[in-house]
Amino acid sequence: MMLHLKTKTWLIGTVLFAVLGSATARADGASPWVTGPNSRARLVSAGPLVEGAYRAGVEIKLEGQALTYWRMPGEAGVPPTFDFSKSVNLAAADVAYPAPYRLEEAGQEAFGYRHDVVFPIRVKPLDPTRPVQLDLHLNYAACEKICIPAEADLRITLTPSAPASTHAQKIASYAAQVPKQLNDGEPPVATLAPIEGQKRKWSVRFEPLLGTESDLFVEGPDGWFFDTKRKDQNFEMILAQKPKNAALPVRVVLTYRDGTRAFERAIQLDAIASNP
């Protein structure tokens, strides 16, 4: 679990809220809600087995201005973790992350979600003729001034011949917000140029240009953190922290949101200009 923490108030200790979700899906294709601090969580299903996999999701609803985090939380925070080890007839459960928003929280920048989020899951059974009992131990945080790490145990049964669920459209909507992984040369292409100064910085330009409401997030290896900010039609990327004695080059992932579209590209970051 990655914890990037500078100055934020945390309630020490993890709190287990509510009860274990039902062992079987309700008629509407969802596990019972499990209540947490300023939040509640559940598993939802899109319905039957399609092309060898189920479409499901982890839904977290947040109260007021509480937020929960993306896989890279920003200046402070804890990303969610998903443990499916107690599931039955499960070959794989691949969790996807919708592109995050840049949010202000107690004077700091956080990367995550407010109000509601669904993390889509592609569930592959060991035996497609038998149901999957999807058993999830979820760790997440719901933060509003004070951050309380919480955990919830959620369970739902996925059956091959289940009817289409009322949750299918919502799962699909959040799946559409998962960044598309781009190949080399596939637009929008990111061009990086170093900026002289005391801190290691780069100018990042996209072709074609992104919209005025677009945003950029940068993930590095463990111990590497990057700040980004809009600069006219481009972005500035600043190396904020790195492990002692670590040096460039390093592999980083650029995630950029442009309106309803989101993209993801891995690049090799050097001190010199880079055009992946």
Protein backbone atom coordinates (compact mmCIF):
# COMPACT_ATOMS: atom_id res chain seq x y z
CA MET A 1 0.00 0.00 0.00
CA MET A 2 1.46 3.37 -0.99
CA LEU A 3 1.17 6.16 1.56
CA HIS A 4 2.42 9.57 0.42
CA LEU A 5 1.89 11.73 3.48
CA LYS A 6 3.21 15.25 4.07
CA THR A 7 0.88 17.11 6.45
CA LYS A 8 -2.62 15.74 6.83
CA THR A 9 -4.62 14.83 9.92
CA TRP A 10 -5.26 11.10 10.12
CA LEU A 11 -7.23 9.18 12.71
CA ILE A 12 -4.71 6.51 13.70
CA GLY A 13 -5.87 2.93 13.35
CA THR A 14 -8.05 1.16 10.87
CA VAL A 15 -11.73 0.81 11.61
CA LEU A 16 -13.87 -2.10 10.45
CA PHE A 17 -17.37 -0.93 9.67
CA ALA A 18 -20.67 -2.80 9.43
CA VAL A 19 -21.10 -6.47 8.62
CA LEU A 20 -20.03 -8.98 6.01
CA GLY A 21 -21.93 -8.60 2.76
CA SER A 22 -24.44 -11.24 1.76
CA ALA A 23 -23.01 -14.47 0.35
CA THR A 24 -25.43 -14.27 -2.56
CA ALA A 25 -26.36 -11.43 -4.88
CA ARG A 26 -29.66 -9.74 -4.29
CA ALA A 27 -32.21 -9.61 -7.06
CA ASP A 28 -30.82 -6.26 -8.26
CA GLY A 29 -27.27 -7.65 -8.74
CA ALA A 30 -25.60 -5.94 -5.78
CA SER A 31 -24.24 -6.88 -2.37
CA PRO A 32 -25.60 -5.04 0.66
CA TRP A 33 -24.04 -1.66 1.41
CA VAL A 34 -21.35 -1.66 4.09
CA THR A 35 -21.25 1.67 5.93
CA GLY A 36 -17.98 3.43 6.68
CA PRO A 37 -16.90 6.92 7.75
CA ASN A 38 -18.63 9.45 5.48
CA SER A 39 -19.11 6.63 2.98
CA ARG A 40 -20.56 3.24 2.07
CA ALA A 41 -19.32 0.50 -0.23
CA ARG A 42 -20.72 -2.50 -2.13
CA LEU A 43 -20.10 -4.88 -5.01
CA VAL A 44 -22.26 -4.59 -8.13
CA SER A 45 -22.67 -6.90 -11.13
CA ALA A 46 -23.61 -6.21 -14.74
CA GLY A 47 -25.26 -9.61 -15.04
CA PRO A 48 -24.38 -12.83 -16.90
CA LEU A 49 -21.12 -14.32 -18.11
CA VAL A 50 -20.18 -12.71 -21.46
CA GLU A 51 -17.27 -13.96 -23.59
CA GLY A 52 -15.77 -15.84 -20.67
CA ALA A 53 -15.90 -13.06 -18.07
CA TYR A 54 -18.25 -11.16 -15.78
CA ARG A 55 -18.37 -7.38 -15.57
CA ALA A 56 -18.62 -6.21 -11.98
CA GLY A 57 -17.55 -3.21 -9.91
CA VAL A 58 -16.70 -1.87 -6.48
CA GLU A 59 -18.94 1.12 -5.79
CA ILE A 60 -18.05 3.68 -3.11
CA LYS A 61 -20.52 6.46 -2.30
CA LEU A 62 -19.17 9.46 -0.39
CA GLU A 63 -21.06 11.96 1.72
CA GLY A 64 -20.69 15.74 1.44
CA GLN A 65 -17.21 16.76 0.29
CA ALA A 66 -15.51 13.55 1.44
CA LEU A 67 -13.14 12.02 -1.10
CA THR A 68 -11.46 8.72 -1.76
CA TYR A 69 -8.24 8.15 -3.65
CA TRP A 70 -6.93 7.00 -7.00
CA ARG A 71 -4.08 4.47 -7.20
CA MET A 72 -1.65 7.43 -6.82
CA PRO A 73 -3.21 9.66 -4.16
CA GLY A 74 -1.34 12.94 -4.62
CA GLU A 75 0.31 14.93 -1.84
CA ALA A 76 -1.25 12.83 0.90
CA GLY A 77 -3.48 9.80 1.10
CA VAL A 78 -3.88 6.06 0.83
CA PRO A 79 -5.01 4.33 -2.39
CA PRO A 80 -7.63 1.57 -2.19
CA THR A 81 -6.54 -2.06 -2.06
CA PHE A 82 -8.55 -5.07 -3.24
CA ASP A 83 -8.06 -8.59 -1.82
CA PHE A 84 -10.04 -11.34 -3.56
CA SER A 85 -8.09 -14.25 -2.05
CA LYS A 86 -11.14 -15.78 -0.32
CA SER A 87 -13.19 -15.97 -3.53
CA VAL A 88 -14.44 -19.29 -4.90
CA ASN A 89 -14.05 -20.44 -8.54
CA LEU A 90 -12.07 -17.28 -9.36
CA ALA A 91 -9.25 -17.33 -11.92
CA ALA A 92 -8.68 -13.57 -12.02
CA ALA A 93 -10.25 -10.30 -10.87
CA ASP A 94 -8.75 -7.32 -12.70
CA VAL A 95 -9.63 -3.97 -11.14
CA ALA A 96 -9.47 -0.83 -13.31
CA TYR A 97 -9.20 2.78 -12.12
CA PRO A 98 -11.26 5.55 -13.73
CA ALA A 99 -9.18 8.64 -14.47
CA PRO A 100 -8.97 10.78 -11.32
CA TYR A 101 -9.77 14.40 -10.59
CA ARG A 102 -7.44 16.92 -8.98
CA LEU A 103 -9.16 17.83 -5.71
CA GLU A 104 -8.38 20.32 -2.94
CA GLU A 105 -8.35 18.77 0.51
CA ALA A 106 -7.25 20.70 3.60
CA GLY A 107 -4.97 22.94 1.55
CA GLN A 108 -3.34 20.10 -0.35
CA GLU A 109 -3.89 18.45 -3.71
CA ALA A 110 -5.41 14.99 -3.79
CA PHE A 111 -6.04 12.77 -6.81
CA GLY A 112 -9.29 10.85 -6.56
CA TYR A 113 -13.04 11.06 -6.51
CA ARG A 114 -15.91 12.75 -4.69
CA HIS A 115 -19.58 11.77 -4.37
CA ASP A 116 -19.51 8.39 -6.17
CA VAL A 117 -17.08 6.11 -7.97
CA VAL A 118 -17.18 2.60 -9.42
CA PHE A 119 -13.94 0.67 -9.92
CA PRO A 120 -14.75 -1.74 -12.78
CA ILE A 121 -13.70 -5.39 -12.33
CA ARG A 122 -13.26 -8.01 -15.05
CA VAL A 123 -13.96 -11.34 -13.33
CA LYS A 124 -12.75 -14.55 -14.99
CA PRO A 125 -13.99 -17.87 -13.53
CA LEU A 126 -11.92 -21.03 -13.21
CA ASP A 127 -14.92 -23.09 -14.38
CA PRO A 128 -17.29 -20.99 -16.52
CA THR A 129 -20.16 -23.44 -15.96
CA ARG A 130 -20.17 -22.77 -12.21
CA PRO A 131 -20.94 -19.57 -10.25
CA VAL A 132 -18.18 -17.36 -8.88
CA GLN A 133 -18.42 -16.33 -5.26
CA LEU A 134 -16.63 -13.00 -5.37
CA ASP A 135 -15.32 -12.26 -1.89
CA LEU A 136 -13.57 -8.90 -1.49
CA HIS A 137 -11.68 -7.43 1.44
CA LEU A 138 -11.58 -3.73 0.59
CA ASN A 139 -9.33 -1.10 2.17
CA TYR A 140 -9.98 2.54 1.32
CA ALA A 141 -10.10 6.00 2.88
CA ALA A 142 -12.88 8.58 3.07
CA CYS A 143 -11.35 11.95 3.86
CA GLU A 144 -12.95 15.24 4.83
CA LYS A 145 -10.53 17.24 7.02
CA ILE A 146 -9.79 14.03 8.94
CA CYS A 147 -8.83 10.84 7.08
CA ILE A 148 -9.98 7.52 8.48
CA PRO A 149 -8.65 4.36 6.82
CA ALA A 150 -11.55 1.91 6.60
CA GLU A 151 -12.08 -1.65 5.48
CA ALA A 152 -15.14 -3.57 4.35
CA ASP A 153 -15.85 -7.23 3.57
CA LEU A 154 -18.09 -7.58 0.52
CA ARG A 155 -19.46 -10.67 -1.14
CA ILE A 156 -21.58 -11.36 -4.22
CA THR A 157 -22.35 -14.49 -6.27
CA LEU A 158 -22.02 -14.23 -10.04
CA THR A 159 -23.94 -16.83 -12.07
CA PRO A 160 -23.51 -17.62 -15.79
CA SER A 161 -27.21 -17.24 -16.64
CA ALA A 162 -28.01 -14.20 -14.48
CA PRO A 163 -30.28 -11.59 -16.08
CA ALA A 164 -28.87 -8.25 -17.13
CA SER A 165 -28.53 -6.01 -14.08
CA THR A 166 -29.73 -2.48 -13.51
CA HIS A 167 -26.12 -1.68 -12.62
CA ALA A 168 -24.74 -2.61 -16.06
CA GLN A 169 -25.01 0.93 -17.47
CA LYS A 170 -23.27 2.52 -14.49
CA ILE A 171 -20.42 -0.02 -14.59
CA ALA A 172 -20.03 0.67 -18.34
CA SER A 173 -20.04 4.43 -17.72
CA TYR A 174 -17.11 4.22 -15.29
CA ALA A 175 -15.32 1.67 -17.48
CA ALA A 176 -15.41 4.29 -20.26
CA GLN A 177 -13.50 6.65 -17.93
CA VAL A 178 -10.60 4.20 -17.50
CA PRO A 179 -7.64 5.66 -19.43
CA LYS A 180 -6.94 4.10 -22.80
CA GLN A 181 -3.38 2.76 -23.03
CA LEU A 182 -1.65 4.37 -26.00
CA ASN A 183 1.04 2.87 -28.19
CA ASP A 184 4.08 4.82 -29.42
CA GLY A 185 3.00 7.47 -31.90
CA GLU A 186 -0.71 7.08 -31.16
CA PRO A 187 -2.29 10.50 -30.52
CA PRO A 188 -2.42 12.49 -28.39
CA VAL A 189 1.41 12.31 -28.44
CA ALA A 190 3.33 13.82 -25.51
CA THR A 191 6.54 15.75 -26.22
CA LEU A 192 8.81 16.58 -23.24
CA ALA A 193 11.49 19.26 -23.06
CA PRO A 194 13.66 20.03 -19.99
CA ILE A 195 13.30 23.39 -18.23
CA GLU A 196 16.41 24.94 -16.70
CA GLY A 197 16.31 25.68 -12.97
CA GLN A 198 17.23 24.43 -9.52
CA LYS A 199 14.52 21.76 -9.63
CA ARG A 200 14.32 19.13 -12.32
CA LYS A 201 11.39 20.19 -14.54
CA TRP A 202 10.00 19.43 -17.97
CA SER A 203 7.54 21.11 -20.29
CA VAL A 204 4.94 18.65 -21.58
CA ARG A 205 3.13 19.41 -24.83
CA PHE A 206 0.42 17.28 -26.41
CA GLU A 207 -0.39 16.96 -30.10
CA PRO A 208 -3.18 17.53 -30.82
CA LEU A 209 -3.59 20.02 -27.99
CA LEU A 210 -5.77 18.99 -25.07
CA GLY A 211 -8.78 21.04 -23.99
CA THR A 212 -8.67 23.83 -21.43
CA GLU A 213 -10.21 21.56 -18.75
CA SER A 214 -7.68 18.76 -19.27
CA ASP A 215 -5.29 17.55 -16.57
CA LEU A 216 -2.09 15.51 -16.29
CA PHE A 217 -0.98 13.03 -13.61
CA VAL A 218 2.46 11.41 -13.46
CA GLU A 219 3.36 8.14 -11.69
CA GLY A 220 6.91 7.04 -11.09
CA PRO A 221 8.51 4.00 -9.40
CA ASP A 222 8.35 3.64 -5.61
CA GLY A 223 9.77 6.71 -3.93
CA TRP A 224 9.48 8.97 -6.99
CA PHE A 225 6.84 11.73 -6.94
CA PHE A 226 6.04 14.36 -9.55
CA ASP A 227 3.97 17.54 -9.38
CA THR A 228 2.19 18.86 -12.45
CA LYS A 229 0.54 22.16 -13.28
CA ARG A 230 -1.05 23.78 -16.28
CA LYS A 231 1.14 26.30 -18.13
CA ASP A 232 -0.77 28.02 -20.95
CA GLN A 233 -1.53 25.26 -23.49
CA ASN A 234 1.09 22.93 -22.03
CA PHE A 235 1.93 21.40 -18.64
CA GLU A 236 4.91 21.62 -16.35
CA MET A 237 6.12 18.44 -14.69
CA ILE A 238 8.32 18.88 -11.60
CA LEU A 239 10.34 16.17 -9.86
CA ALA A 240 9.21 16.66 -6.25
CA GLN A 241 10.85 13.67 -4.58
CA LYS A 242 13.08 10.71 -5.41
CA PRO A 243 14.91 7.99 -3.44
CA LYS A 244 18.35 8.85 -2.14
CA ASN A 245 21.08 8.28 -4.75
CA ALA A 246 18.47 7.48 -7.43
CA ALA A 247 19.05 9.06 -10.83
CA LEU A 248 17.47 9.44 -14.24
CA PRO A 249 16.53 7.84 -16.58
CA VAL A 250 13.37 6.40 -15.05
CA ARG A 251 10.17 4.91 -16.44
CA VAL A 252 7.02 6.95 -15.68
CA VAL A 253 3.35 6.71 -16.62
CA LEU A 254 1.50 9.79 -17.90
CA THR A 255 -2.27 9.78 -17.33
CA TYR A 256 -4.20 12.60 -18.92
CA ARG A 257 -7.86 13.44 -18.76
CA ASP A 258 -9.37 15.53 -21.55
CA GLY A 259 -13.07 16.09 -20.97
CA THR A 260 -14.78 12.70 -21.11
CA ARG A 261 -11.68 11.04 -22.63
CA ALA A 262 -8.68 9.70 -20.73
CA PHE A 263 -5.36 8.28 -21.92
CA GLU A 264 -2.33 6.57 -20.43
CA ARG A 265 1.18 6.39 -21.81
CA ALA A 266 4.43 4.96 -20.37
CA ILE A 267 7.62 6.86 -21.25
CA GLN A 268 11.31 6.78 -20.44
CA LEU A 269 12.07 10.05 -18.64
CA ASP A 270 15.54 11.46 -19.26
CA ALA A 271 17.22 14.72 -18.39
CA ILE A 272 17.17 15.57 -22.09
CA ALA A 273 14.12 16.14 -24.26
CA SER A 274 11.91 13.13 -24.87
CA ASN A 275 9.44 12.48 -27.67
CA PRO A 276 7.92 8.99 -27.07
